[in-house]
Protein backbone atom coordinates (compact mmCIF):
# COMPACT_ATOMS: atom_id res chain seq x y z
CA MET A 1 97.21 148.61 80.23
CA THR A 2 99.59 150.39 77.92
CA SER A 3 101.41 147.15 77.06
CA ARG A 4 98.12 145.49 76.10
CA ILE A 5 97.22 148.35 73.78
CA ASP A 6 100.67 148.17 72.19
CA GLU A 7 100.30 144.42 71.72
CA THR A 8 96.90 144.88 70.11
CA LEU A 9 98.31 147.51 67.76
CA ARG A 10 101.14 145.15 66.79
CA LYS A 11 98.66 142.35 66.01
CA LEU A 12 96.53 144.71 63.90
CA ALA A 13 99.61 145.93 62.10
CA ALA A 14 100.78 142.35 61.50
CA ASN A 15 97.49 141.52 59.72
CA THR A 16 97.77 144.52 57.40
CA PRO A 17 100.02 144.33 54.33
CA SER A 18 103.02 146.59 54.45
CA GLY A 19 103.70 149.18 51.82
CA ASN A 20 107.39 148.28 51.93
CA GLN A 21 107.02 144.73 50.69
CA PRO A 22 104.33 142.40 49.41
CA ALA A 23 102.32 140.67 52.13
CA ALA A 24 102.54 136.88 52.32
CA GLN A 25 99.77 134.96 50.60
CA PRO A 26 97.56 132.94 53.00
CA GLN A 27 97.92 129.21 52.46
CA ASP A 28 94.20 128.43 52.37
CA THR A 29 92.50 131.30 50.58
CA ALA A 30 89.23 129.44 50.21
CA ALA A 31 88.75 129.10 53.95
CA SER A 32 90.52 132.26 55.00
CA PRO A 33 88.32 134.99 56.49
CA VAL A 34 90.79 137.47 55.08
CA ALA A 35 90.29 136.06 51.59
CA THR A 36 86.54 136.28 52.02
CA ALA A 37 86.87 139.88 53.13
CA ARG A 38 89.01 140.65 50.10
CA GLN A 39 86.11 139.77 47.83
CA PHE A 40 84.41 142.88 49.13
CA SER A 41 87.53 145.02 49.58
CA PRO A 42 88.15 148.15 47.47
CA GLY A 43 91.60 147.18 46.22
CA ASP A 44 92.72 145.35 43.10
CA PRO A 45 92.74 141.55 43.79
CA GLU A 46 95.83 141.25 41.57
CA CYS A 47 97.77 143.95 43.42
CA PRO A 48 101.10 142.47 44.66
CA VAL A 49 101.21 145.00 47.52
CA CYS A 50 97.80 144.88 49.23
CA HIS A 51 96.39 141.73 47.55
CA GLY A 52 93.02 143.41 47.16
CA LEU A 53 92.61 144.91 50.62
CA GLY A 54 93.11 148.43 49.24
CA TYR A 55 95.16 149.60 52.24
CA VAL A 56 98.76 149.22 53.39
CA ARG A 57 100.70 149.99 56.53
CA TYR A 58 104.32 151.00 56.95
CA GLU A 59 106.89 149.10 59.02
CA LEU A 60 107.46 151.63 61.78
CA PRO A 61 108.44 151.34 65.44
CA VAL A 62 105.72 151.50 68.10
CA GLY A 63 105.29 155.06 69.23
CA HIS A 64 105.86 156.51 65.77
CA PRO A 65 102.99 158.90 64.84
CA GLU A 66 102.29 156.81 61.72
CA PHE A 67 102.56 153.43 63.44
CA GLY A 68 99.55 151.25 62.67
CA ARG A 69 97.92 153.88 60.47
CA LEU A 70 96.39 152.63 57.25
CA HIS A 71 97.17 154.27 53.94
CA ASP A 72 95.45 153.94 50.58
CA CYS A 73 97.26 151.53 48.31
CA ALA A 74 98.48 152.83 44.96
CA CYS A 75 96.10 150.45 43.20
CA ARG A 76 93.17 152.55 44.48
CA GLN A 77 94.33 155.93 43.19
CA ALA A 78 92.12 155.87 40.09
CA GLN A 79 89.14 154.87 42.21
CA ILE A 80 89.89 157.59 44.76
CA GLN A 81 90.27 160.21 42.04
CA GLN A 82 86.95 159.14 40.54
CA LYS A 83 85.22 159.54 43.91
CA VAL A 84 86.81 162.96 44.35
CA TYR A 85 85.61 163.94 40.89
CA GLN A 86 82.08 162.70 41.63
CA ARG A 87 81.99 164.67 44.86
CA LEU A 88 83.30 167.82 43.19
CA PHE A 89 80.97 167.39 40.24
CA ALA A 90 77.95 166.97 42.52
CA PHE A 91 78.87 170.22 44.26
CA SER A 92 79.55 172.12 41.01
CA ASN A 93 75.92 172.33 39.81
CA LEU A 94 77.17 171.27 36.36
CA SER A 95 75.21 168.04 36.05
CA GLU A 96 72.94 169.44 33.33
CA LEU A 97 75.90 171.09 31.57
CA ALA A 98 78.32 168.17 31.63
CA HIS A 99 78.10 167.94 27.83
CA LEU A 100 79.42 171.49 27.39
CA THR A 101 83.16 171.03 26.99
CA PHE A 102 85.97 172.51 24.95
CA ASP A 103 86.00 169.37 22.81
CA ASN A 104 82.54 169.94 21.38
CA PHE A 105 82.69 173.75 21.08
CA LEU A 106 83.04 174.88 17.46
CA PRO A 107 85.92 177.39 17.66
CA ARG A 108 84.95 179.10 14.40
CA GLY A 109 81.22 178.57 14.63
CA ARG A 110 78.95 176.79 12.23
CA VAL A 111 79.32 176.69 8.47
CA GLY A 112 78.39 180.03 6.93
CA VAL A 113 79.36 182.22 9.89
CA MET A 114 80.83 185.53 8.76
CA PRO A 115 84.66 185.61 8.95
CA GLN A 116 84.66 188.42 11.52
CA HIS A 117 82.31 186.47 13.79
CA ALA A 118 84.31 183.26 13.32
CA SER A 119 87.48 185.08 14.40
CA SER A 120 85.69 186.50 17.45
CA LEU A 121 84.48 183.04 18.47
CA GLU A 122 87.95 181.54 18.00
CA PHE A 123 89.54 184.25 20.14
CA ALA A 124 87.00 183.66 22.93
CA TYR A 125 87.58 179.89 22.73
CA ASN A 126 91.36 180.32 23.02
CA GLN A 127 91.08 182.73 25.94
CA ALA A 128 88.69 180.45 27.84
CA SER A 129 90.95 177.43 27.20
CA ILE A 130 93.97 179.27 28.57
CA TYR A 131 92.02 180.46 31.60
CA ALA A 132 90.77 176.94 32.40
CA ARG A 133 94.36 175.72 32.63
CA THR A 134 95.66 178.58 34.75
CA LEU A 135 92.62 179.96 36.66
CA LYS A 136 94.56 183.18 36.91
CA GLY A 137 92.48 186.27 37.64
CA TRP A 138 88.95 186.69 36.32
CA LEU A 139 87.37 185.97 32.94
CA VAL A 140 84.38 188.06 31.76
CA LEU A 141 82.54 186.85 28.65
CA LEU A 142 80.25 189.43 27.03
CA GLY A 143 77.94 189.00 24.05
CA GLY A 144 74.37 188.53 22.89
CA TYR A 145 72.15 185.52 23.38
CA GLY A 146 73.34 182.24 21.93
CA VAL A 147 76.91 183.27 21.04
CA GLY A 148 78.53 180.59 23.23
CA LYS A 149 79.20 182.40 26.51
CA THR A 150 77.52 179.77 28.72
CA HIS A 151 79.14 176.92 26.76
CA LEU A 152 82.62 178.34 27.31
CA ALA A 153 81.94 179.13 30.99
CA ALA A 154 80.64 175.60 31.60
CA ALA A 155 83.63 174.17 29.71
CA VAL A 156 85.93 176.05 32.10
CA GLY A 157 84.01 174.61 35.05
CA ASN A 158 83.98 171.04 33.72
CA PHE A 159 87.71 171.17 32.98
CA ALA A 160 88.50 172.56 36.45
CA VAL A 161 86.47 169.83 38.16
CA SER A 162 88.28 167.16 36.10
CA MET A 163 91.53 168.61 37.44
CA GLY A 164 90.31 168.30 41.05
CA VAL A 165 89.35 171.97 41.55
CA GLN A 166 86.15 172.66 43.43
CA ALA A 167 83.90 174.82 41.28
CA LEU A 168 80.37 176.20 41.47
CA PHE A 169 78.37 177.15 38.37
CA VAL A 170 75.20 179.16 38.98
CA THR A 171 73.02 181.65 37.12
CA VAL A 172 72.76 184.90 39.04
CA PRO A 173 68.93 184.89 39.41
CA ASP A 174 69.10 181.31 40.76
CA LEU A 175 71.90 182.28 43.11
CA LEU A 176 69.85 185.08 44.62
CA ASP A 177 66.78 182.84 44.89
CA SER A 178 68.89 180.24 46.69
CA LEU A 179 70.09 182.82 49.19
CA ARG A 180 66.55 184.06 49.83
CA THR A 181 65.20 180.56 50.51
CA SER A 182 68.12 179.75 52.83
CA PHE A 183 66.72 182.14 55.44
CA SER A 184 64.15 179.44 56.29
CA ASP A 185 66.35 176.42 55.55
CA GLN A 186 67.42 174.70 58.77
CA GLU A 187 69.71 172.15 57.07
CA ASN A 188 71.64 174.66 54.95
CA PRO A 189 71.28 178.04 56.66
CA TYR A 190 71.94 181.35 54.95
CA ALA A 191 75.32 182.04 56.59
CA GLU A 192 76.71 178.65 55.60
CA ARG A 193 75.45 178.87 52.02
CA PHE A 194 76.71 182.42 51.56
CA GLU A 195 80.14 181.44 52.88
CA GLN A 196 80.31 178.58 50.35
CA ILE A 197 79.64 181.01 47.52
CA LEU A 198 82.13 183.56 48.81
CA SER A 199 85.01 181.13 49.20
CA VAL A 200 84.54 178.34 46.63
CA PRO A 201 87.86 177.99 44.74
CA LEU A 202 86.20 178.69 41.36
CA LEU A 203 82.91 180.56 41.03
CA ILE A 204 81.09 180.87 37.69
CA LEU A 205 78.28 183.43 37.51
CA ASP A 206 76.13 182.99 34.40
CA ASP A 207 73.66 185.56 33.04
CA PHE A 208 74.98 188.40 35.17
CA GLY A 209 72.71 191.44 34.87
CA THR A 210 69.44 189.56 34.28
CA GLN A 211 68.61 189.51 37.99
CA ASN A 212 65.99 191.70 39.61
CA ALA A 213 68.04 194.72 40.60
CA THR A 214 66.63 195.27 44.08
CA PRO A 215 68.86 196.98 46.67
CA TRP A 216 69.19 193.66 48.53
CA ALA A 217 70.23 191.80 45.35
CA GLN A 218 72.74 194.49 44.41
CA GLU A 219 74.26 194.43 47.88
CA LYS A 220 74.60 190.62 47.94
CA LEU A 221 76.24 190.59 44.51
CA PHE A 222 78.63 193.35 45.54
CA GLN A 223 79.62 191.42 48.68
CA ILE A 224 80.36 188.33 46.59
CA ILE A 225 82.28 190.22 43.90
CA ASN A 226 84.17 192.35 46.42
CA HIS A 227 85.19 189.35 48.59
CA ARG A 228 86.58 187.50 45.60
CA TYR A 229 88.22 190.69 44.32
CA ILE A 230 90.05 191.35 47.59
CA ASN A 231 91.15 187.72 47.91
CA LYS A 232 91.94 187.32 44.18
CA LEU A 233 89.75 184.20 43.94
CA PRO A 234 89.08 182.87 40.42
CA LEU A 235 85.80 184.08 38.90
CA VAL A 236 84.08 183.64 35.54
CA VAL A 237 81.21 185.97 34.59
CA THR A 238 78.96 185.86 31.53
CA SER A 239 76.61 188.67 30.58
CA ASN A 240 74.68 190.01 27.60
CA MET A 241 74.54 193.44 29.22
CA PRO A 242 76.89 196.31 28.34
CA MET A 243 79.40 196.99 31.09
CA ASN A 244 78.19 200.54 31.64
CA SER A 245 74.75 199.23 32.61
CA ILE A 246 76.18 197.30 35.59
CA GLU A 247 76.13 198.85 39.07
CA GLY A 248 79.13 201.15 39.49
CA ARG A 249 80.90 199.43 42.40
CA ILE A 250 80.67 196.05 40.71
CA ARG A 251 81.65 197.43 37.30
CA SER A 252 84.80 199.03 38.69
CA ARG A 253 85.99 195.61 39.87
CA LEU A 254 84.96 193.80 36.70
CA GLU A 255 86.94 196.31 34.64
CA ASP A 256 90.20 196.14 36.62
CA PRO A 257 92.76 195.37 33.86
CA GLU A 258 95.27 193.96 36.35
CA LEU A 259 92.88 191.18 37.39
CA VAL A 260 90.17 190.86 34.76
CA HIS A 261 90.31 189.73 31.15
CA ILE A 262 87.20 190.88 29.24
CA VAL A 263 86.26 189.00 26.05
CA ARG A 264 83.51 190.39 23.82
CA ILE A 265 82.01 187.79 21.49
CA GLN A 266 80.66 189.23 18.24
CA SER A 267 78.43 186.59 16.64
CA GLN A 268 74.83 185.65 15.98
CA ASP A 269 72.56 183.52 18.12
CA TYR A 270 73.11 179.97 16.86
CA ARG A 271 69.67 178.95 18.16
CA ARG A 272 67.80 181.49 16.04
CA PRO A 273 67.39 181.71 12.25
CA ILE A 274 69.98 183.94 10.60
CA LEU A 275 69.95 184.83 6.92
CA ASP A 276 72.89 183.89 4.72
CA ALA A 277 74.28 187.43 4.81
CA GLY A 278 74.39 187.38 8.59
CA HIS A 279 71.25 189.44 9.25
CA HIS A 280 69.20 189.03 12.38
CA GLU A 281 65.80 187.54 11.59
CA LEU A 282 64.04 190.72 12.72
CA SER A 283 66.08 192.92 10.44
CA SER A 284 64.47 194.37 7.31
CA LEU A 285 67.88 195.31 5.90
CA PRO A 286 67.82 192.49 3.28
CA MET A 287 64.93 194.34 1.60
CA LEU A 288 67.15 197.43 1.29
CA THR A 289 70.11 195.90 -0.51
CA GLY A 290 70.49 198.84 -2.89
CA ARG A 291 70.47 201.49 -0.16
CA THR A 292 74.21 202.06 0.14
CA PHE A 293 76.43 205.13 0.12
CA ALA A 294 77.50 204.34 -3.44
CA HIS A 295 73.88 204.48 -4.64
CA PHE A 296 72.85 207.60 -2.75
CA ASP A 297 71.69 210.44 -4.97
CA LEU A 298 72.62 213.94 -3.82
CA ARG A 299 70.00 215.26 -6.25
CA LYS A 300 72.11 218.03 -7.71
CA GLY A 301 70.36 217.96 -11.03
CA GLU A 302 66.81 218.59 -9.83
CA GLY A 303 66.91 222.32 -9.54
CA LEU A 304 66.36 222.24 -5.76
CA GLU A 305 66.97 225.18 -3.48
CA ALA A 306 70.59 225.57 -2.46
CA GLN A 307 69.83 225.40 1.27
CA ASP A 308 67.89 222.15 0.79
CA LEU A 309 70.76 220.60 -1.14
CA GLN A 310 73.16 221.66 1.57
CA SER A 311 71.03 219.89 4.22
CA LEU A 312 71.18 216.70 2.16
CA GLU A 313 74.95 216.98 1.70
CA ARG A 314 75.40 217.56 5.44
CA ALA A 315 73.27 214.52 6.27
CA PHE A 316 75.30 212.40 3.83
CA ALA A 317 78.58 213.55 5.41
CA VAL A 318 77.25 212.93 8.92
CA ALA A 319 76.15 209.42 7.92
CA ARG A 320 79.58 208.60 6.46
CA GLU A 321 81.30 209.86 9.60
CA TYR A 322 78.98 207.86 11.89
CA ALA A 323 79.46 204.71 9.81
CA GLU A 324 83.21 204.84 10.43
CA ALA A 325 82.82 204.95 14.23
CA PRO A 326 79.27 204.59 15.61
CA ARG A 327 78.99 206.44 18.92
CA GLY A 328 75.92 207.77 20.65
CA TRP A 329 72.66 208.38 18.79
CA LEU A 330 72.10 209.76 15.31
CA VAL A 331 68.65 211.06 14.31
CA PHE A 332 67.65 211.82 10.72
CA ILE A 333 64.58 214.02 10.54
CA GLY A 334 62.78 215.07 7.38
CA PRO A 335 59.73 214.54 5.17
CA TYR A 336 58.88 211.16 3.71
CA GLY A 337 61.03 210.28 0.73
CA CYS A 338 63.85 212.67 1.54
CA GLY A 339 66.50 209.94 1.94
CA LYS A 340 66.46 209.29 5.72
CA THR A 341 65.94 205.55 5.43
CA HIS A 342 68.51 205.29 2.62
CA LEU A 343 71.20 206.91 4.76
CA ALA A 344 70.35 204.78 7.80
CA ALA A 345 70.45 201.62 5.66
CA ALA A 346 73.76 202.72 4.12
CA ILE A 347 75.29 202.96 7.60
CA ALA A 348 73.86 199.53 8.46
CA HIS A 349 75.28 197.89 5.31
CA TYR A 350 78.68 199.45 5.96
CA ARG A 351 78.80 198.20 9.56
CA LEU A 352 77.43 194.78 8.63
CA ASP A 353 80.27 194.33 6.16
CA LEU A 354 82.64 194.98 9.08
CA GLY A 355 80.98 192.19 11.09
CA ASP A 356 78.89 194.27 13.51
CA GLN A 357 75.84 192.82 15.21
CA LEU A 358 72.86 194.99 14.37
CA VAL A 359 69.12 195.13 13.87
CA PHE A 360 67.44 197.39 11.28
CA ILE A 361 63.69 197.59 11.76
CA SER A 362 60.84 200.05 11.49
CA VAL A 363 59.20 200.95 14.79
CA PRO A 364 55.70 199.76 13.71
CA ASP A 365 57.17 196.38 12.64
CA LEU A 366 59.02 196.05 15.94
CA MET A 367 55.82 196.58 17.90
CA ASP A 368 54.07 193.98 15.73
CA HIS A 369 56.84 191.45 16.44
CA LEU A 370 56.55 192.08 20.17
CA ARG A 371 52.79 191.64 20.11
CA ALA A 372 53.15 188.39 18.14
CA THR A 373 55.08 186.81 21.02
CA PHE A 374 51.86 186.69 23.04
CA ALA A 375 50.46 184.06 20.65
CA PRO A 376 50.42 180.48 22.06
CA THR A 377 52.37 179.28 19.01
CA SER A 378 55.20 181.77 19.50
CA MET A 379 58.61 180.12 19.87
CA VAL A 380 60.11 183.06 21.75
CA SER A 381 58.95 185.07 24.74
CA MET A 382 58.32 188.79 24.57
CA ASP A 383 60.95 189.40 27.26
CA ARG A 384 63.55 187.48 25.30
CA LEU A 385 62.83 189.28 22.03
CA PHE A 386 62.69 192.68 23.69
CA ASP A 387 65.99 192.01 25.45
CA GLU A 388 67.64 191.09 22.15
CA VAL A 389 66.57 194.36 20.57
CA ARG A 390 67.39 196.67 23.45
CA THR A 391 70.84 195.12 24.03
CA ILE A 392 71.91 194.74 20.39
CA PRO A 393 75.24 196.54 19.93
CA LEU A 394 73.89 198.67 17.05
CA LEU A 395 70.18 199.40 16.54
CA PHE A 396 68.42 201.16 13.64
CA LEU A 397 64.86 202.33 14.34
CA ASP A 398 63.20 203.49 11.13
CA ASP A 399 60.05 205.61 10.93
CA LEU A 400 59.72 206.57 14.58
CA GLY A 401 56.33 208.22 15.08
CA ALA A 402 54.47 206.01 12.60
CA GLN A 403 53.51 203.51 15.31
CA SER A 404 50.10 203.39 16.95
CA PRO A 405 50.37 205.60 20.07
CA THR A 406 48.75 203.20 22.54
CA PRO A 407 49.85 203.26 26.20
CA TRP A 408 51.47 199.82 25.82
CA VAL A 409 53.45 200.93 22.74
CA GLN A 410 54.50 204.16 24.44
CA GLU A 411 55.73 202.28 27.50
CA LYS A 412 57.70 199.68 25.51
CA LEU A 413 59.32 202.41 23.43
CA TYR A 414 60.24 204.37 26.53
CA GLN A 415 61.78 201.25 28.09
CA LEU A 416 63.75 200.65 24.90
CA PHE A 417 64.97 204.23 24.56
CA ASN A 418 65.71 204.63 28.25
CA TYR A 419 67.79 201.45 28.39
CA ARG A 420 69.88 202.44 25.37
CA TYR A 421 70.19 205.96 26.71
CA MET A 422 71.51 204.78 30.09
CA ALA A 423 73.86 202.29 28.42
CA GLU A 424 74.84 204.82 25.71
CA LEU A 425 74.41 202.16 23.01
CA PRO A 426 74.80 203.32 19.39
CA THR A 427 71.37 203.91 17.84
CA VAL A 428 70.25 205.40 14.51
CA ILE A 429 66.72 206.80 14.31
CA THR A 430 64.69 208.18 11.42
CA THR A 431 61.53 210.21 11.91
CA SER A 432 59.39 212.71 10.03
CA SER A 433 58.83 214.80 13.14
CA LEU A 434 60.29 215.01 16.62
CA LYS A 435 57.00 216.20 18.02
CA LYS A 436 54.41 213.91 16.45
CA ASP A 437 52.82 211.70 19.12
CA LEU A 438 56.18 211.10 20.81
CA ASP A 439 56.46 210.52 24.54
CA GLN A 440 58.02 213.54 26.23
CA ARG A 441 60.28 211.19 28.18
CA ILE A 442 61.73 209.93 24.88
CA LEU A 443 62.07 213.44 23.50
CA SER A 444 63.99 214.52 26.60
CA ARG A 445 66.60 211.83 25.91
CA MET A 446 66.82 212.75 22.24
CA ASP A 447 67.39 216.38 23.27
CA ASP A 448 70.59 215.43 25.11
CA GLN A 449 73.22 216.91 22.80
CA ARG A 450 75.96 215.09 24.69
CA LEU A 451 74.62 211.77 23.38
CA CYS A 452 72.35 212.58 20.44
CA ARG A 453 73.07 214.29 17.13
CA VAL A 454 70.15 215.43 14.97
CA SER A 455 70.56 215.88 11.22
CA ALA A 456 67.63 217.62 9.51
CA ILE A 457 66.96 217.04 5.80
CA THR A 458 64.77 219.66 4.17
CA VAL A 459 64.66 218.49 0.54
CA PRO A 460 61.22 217.49 -0.76
CA SER A 461 60.32 213.86 -1.43
CA TYR A 462 62.43 212.19 -4.10
CA ARG A 463 60.45 211.07 -7.15
CA GLY A 464 63.26 210.07 -9.42
CA LEU A 465 62.42 212.85 -11.86
CA THR A 466 64.56 215.67 -13.18
CA PRO A 467 63.07 218.92 -14.38
CA PRO A 468 62.71 219.27 -18.17
CA GLN A 469 65.56 221.13 -19.83
CA LYS A 470 64.63 224.51 -21.24
CA SER A 471 64.90 224.69 -25.04
CA PRO A 472 67.14 227.39 -26.43
CA PRO A 473 65.21 230.34 -27.86
CA VAL A 474 64.41 230.12 -31.54
CA ARG A 475 65.80 232.98 -33.52
CA LYS A 476 63.42 234.36 -36.15
CA ARG A 477 64.68 234.98 -39.60
CA ARG A 478 64.40 238.43 -40.98
CA SER A 479 62.43 238.70 -44.10
CA GLY A 480 63.75 240.26 -47.05
């Protein structure tokens, strides 16, 4: 029996071209079954080695482990690589993002982008390009909406797949939804799907922090992050959330300098209208172009009380100090027309010239913008707009207390203040009173002296007038 099997193997081997030398051409290719088969074979018909069969065998003695085994011919390598790429690409979840590559990313942004923002974009582009070629450690891309985080993350994924690396790109909310549905999925059960996510060679998590932060979701994300942290598996994360708003266990791993490279992109949303000077479309700062430190009047010639002048000088000094290094919250409180808005706008102009992302808006106007998103013709959702404002790196809220104190307004303001309080995001606030119709929950956060500094201005409203100069007394002539 053994001899028959060996004979059969020899016959099969004899009919397969050898990789050591070209196989002999059949004399009658038109009538040859082999020739007919070659019409449907995967190899190159002009290949001198396999003559189109796509496979070769090696001349080896019977009993050798490789005897009779077929190997892919060299002429099929491009085809094989293409099939590998298609399989990896199908797994990667990048089909709708295949157009996002390094080649079509604008490293310095669109025409008109501020120089500071262009430099930030170029740095992020270079870091992502380097990471795609090495896949060493983790890459965390932080920034607002529309600054290019997802484009760069997808470009890393597309490049890795083209190099034969298995990658998976997924937004975090979709990832969690996929895990939830897998509990009832018989074909792709939860354990199998979760293991794929844990161990895929390259995992890209987009929109980290936008998920519903339930205990279950937090635990699943920690398990994923922790597994890849312990095993040093490549990971790319994008987020528009500040790092200190991320759950502590996860944040500690995302901030490990020995493994993680964090890139903060400072730029505007390319999808949304931006004024020529780089202002956000919500910002009212363009209407306050003259409100700078250079144009601030300390009102020394108005005959004001000394203590009132001192309060104005202190507020001016505090504003200059804050403009140099915005940290925590700064609240200007005083009567209308005392200079609160001017000082807040001066800080905003100073930081804008340095390339900071900021929004300057009065609280009543902000509430009106949020309400307007409910209109059917609105091009942006309320959640999206609210997220932009509450996560902006530097926020100026003018005229707090002038808004209509409806329950909806109170709740949105509390959500805004509470988020920025927890994240300790720099915020400048002006108000005429800390007690007028303000939610006690907001006041409690503004009372935190660790985070918030209050500067009271007691001068009366500025009218642009100076008191009339007293005429010198007229000396009467003596008669006589």
